Amino acid sequence: DYTVGEVSTKFIKDQRVWIVRDLEGIYVIFGLCTHLGCTPRWLNTEAKYKCPCHGSGFTKEGMHFEGPAPRPLERLKIELGPDGQIIIDKSKKFLWEKDEWGKPGSKLFV
């Protein structure tokens, strides 16, 4: 169960991913700062991801807006399995700068 407008931190420690639901559906953000690879933290009260290593900040959608990170966070492939469970494929990444956030598999429309 993922609430519209919220970021789920349930899998950040074990899988290094956040699951985000917006009005259109669900997408997965890889918890790897695009600066030097640290794991940012989701700051719910500030509605942003903040990297503790060098201060890069990212919006809920993963867009970079402060600090030294050169680009937005990466999204990962998401799909529904035959049993209705969410499946995340970390080997398939979607990059904003390559205009891939709208490609099939970058979001699960629900």
Protein backbone atom coordinates (compact mmCIF):
# COMPACT_ATOMS: atom_id res chain seq x y z
CA ASP A 1 0.00 0.00 0.00
CA TYR A 2 1.51 3.25 -1.16
CA THR A 3 -0.19 6.57 -0.44
CA VAL A 4 -0.39 9.23 -3.14
CA GLY A 5 2.16 11.96 -2.47
CA GLU A 6 4.32 9.93 -0.09
CA VAL A 7 7.81 8.45 -0.31
CA SER A 8 8.16 4.95 1.13
CA THR A 9 11.45 4.42 2.96
CA LYS A 10 10.64 0.77 3.71
CA PHE A 11 13.31 -0.62 1.36
CA ILE A 12 16.07 2.00 1.53
CA LYS A 13 18.29 0.11 4.00
CA ASP A 14 17.99 -3.36 2.44
CA GLN A 15 17.49 -2.53 -1.24
CA ARG A 16 18.64 1.10 -1.51
CA VAL A 17 15.39 2.21 -3.16
CA TRP A 18 12.51 4.54 -2.40
CA ILE A 19 9.05 3.82 -3.75
CA VAL A 20 7.09 6.96 -4.63
CA ARG A 21 3.44 7.26 -5.55
CA ASP A 22 2.01 10.25 -7.36
CA LEU A 23 -1.38 10.85 -8.98
CA GLU A 24 -0.41 8.82 -12.07
CA GLY A 25 1.23 5.83 -10.48
CA ILE A 26 4.29 4.42 -8.72
CA TYR A 27 7.97 4.82 -9.54
CA VAL A 28 11.23 3.74 -7.91
CA ILE A 29 14.18 6.00 -7.15
CA PHE A 30 17.62 4.46 -6.70
CA GLY A 31 19.19 5.67 -3.44
CA LEU A 32 22.55 6.56 -4.96
CA CYS A 33 23.69 10.17 -5.07
CA THR A 34 24.88 11.07 -8.55
CA HIS A 35 27.82 13.00 -7.10
CA LEU A 36 30.00 10.35 -5.42
CA GLY A 37 27.59 7.50 -4.67
CA CYS A 38 26.57 8.13 -1.06
CA THR A 39 23.03 7.24 0.03
CA PRO A 40 20.87 10.34 0.42
CA ARG A 41 18.23 10.53 3.15
CA TRP A 42 14.57 11.31 2.62
CA LEU A 43 13.65 14.32 4.77
CA ASN A 44 9.87 14.18 4.95
CA THR A 45 9.47 17.52 6.75
CA GLU A 46 11.44 19.25 3.97
CA ALA A 47 10.06 17.05 1.15
CA LYS A 48 13.50 16.34 -0.29
CA TYR A 49 16.31 13.81 -0.47
CA LYS A 50 19.50 15.19 1.07
CA CYS A 51 22.93 13.64 0.65
CA PRO A 52 24.83 13.63 3.96
CA CYS A 53 28.25 13.47 2.27
CA HIS A 54 28.41 16.72 0.30
CA GLY A 55 24.98 18.33 0.61
CA SER A 56 23.31 17.58 -2.71
CA GLY A 57 19.54 17.96 -2.58
CA PHE A 58 16.87 16.36 -4.76
CA THR A 59 13.12 16.88 -5.05
CA LYS A 60 10.61 14.12 -4.31
CA GLU A 61 10.70 13.28 -8.04
CA GLY A 62 14.51 12.97 -7.95
CA MET A 63 15.44 16.27 -9.61
CA HIS A 64 18.72 17.82 -8.45
CA PHE A 65 18.37 21.36 -7.10
CA GLU A 66 21.32 22.00 -4.78
CA GLY A 67 24.86 20.88 -4.12
CA PRO A 68 27.52 19.28 -6.31
CA ALA A 69 25.53 16.38 -7.82
CA PRO A 70 25.73 16.75 -11.61
CA ARG A 71 22.35 15.23 -12.45
CA PRO A 72 19.06 13.91 -11.02
CA LEU A 73 18.70 10.62 -9.18
CA GLU A 74 18.10 7.53 -11.30
CA ARG A 75 14.83 5.67 -11.54
CA LEU A 76 14.61 1.89 -11.75
CA LYS A 77 12.37 -0.45 -13.71
CA ILE A 78 9.11 -1.32 -11.98
CA GLU A 79 6.42 -3.80 -12.99
CA LEU A 80 3.69 -5.96 -11.52
CA GLY A 81 4.36 -9.66 -11.18
CA PRO A 82 1.73 -12.32 -11.92
CA ASP A 83 0.84 -12.40 -8.22
CA GLY A 84 0.25 -8.63 -8.12
CA GLN A 85 3.48 -7.88 -6.24
CA ILE A 86 5.76 -5.06 -7.34
CA ILE A 87 8.97 -6.21 -9.04
CA ILE A 88 11.96 -3.86 -9.20
CA ASP A 89 14.77 -4.47 -11.69
CA LYS A 90 17.91 -2.66 -10.52
CA SER A 91 19.75 -3.60 -13.70
CA LYS A 92 17.48 -1.30 -15.76
CA LYS A 93 17.92 2.39 -14.97
CA PHE A 94 16.03 5.36 -16.40
CA LEU A 95 17.91 8.66 -16.68
CA TRP A 96 16.17 12.04 -16.81
CA GLU A 97 18.94 13.59 -18.88
CA LYS A 98 18.32 10.96 -21.59
CA ASP A 99 14.56 11.69 -21.47
CA GLU A 100 13.88 8.18 -20.14
CA TRP A 101 11.57 8.92 -17.21
CA GLY A 102 8.56 8.56 -19.50
CA LYS A 103 9.62 5.28 -21.09
CA PRO A 104 7.76 1.99 -20.48
CA GLY A 105 8.87 0.43 -17.21
CA SER A 106 9.89 3.73 -15.61
CA LYS A 107 6.52 4.03 -13.86
CA LEU A 108 3.74 1.67 -12.92
CA PHE A 109 0.46 3.34 -13.86
CA VAL A 110 -2.28 2.52 -11.36
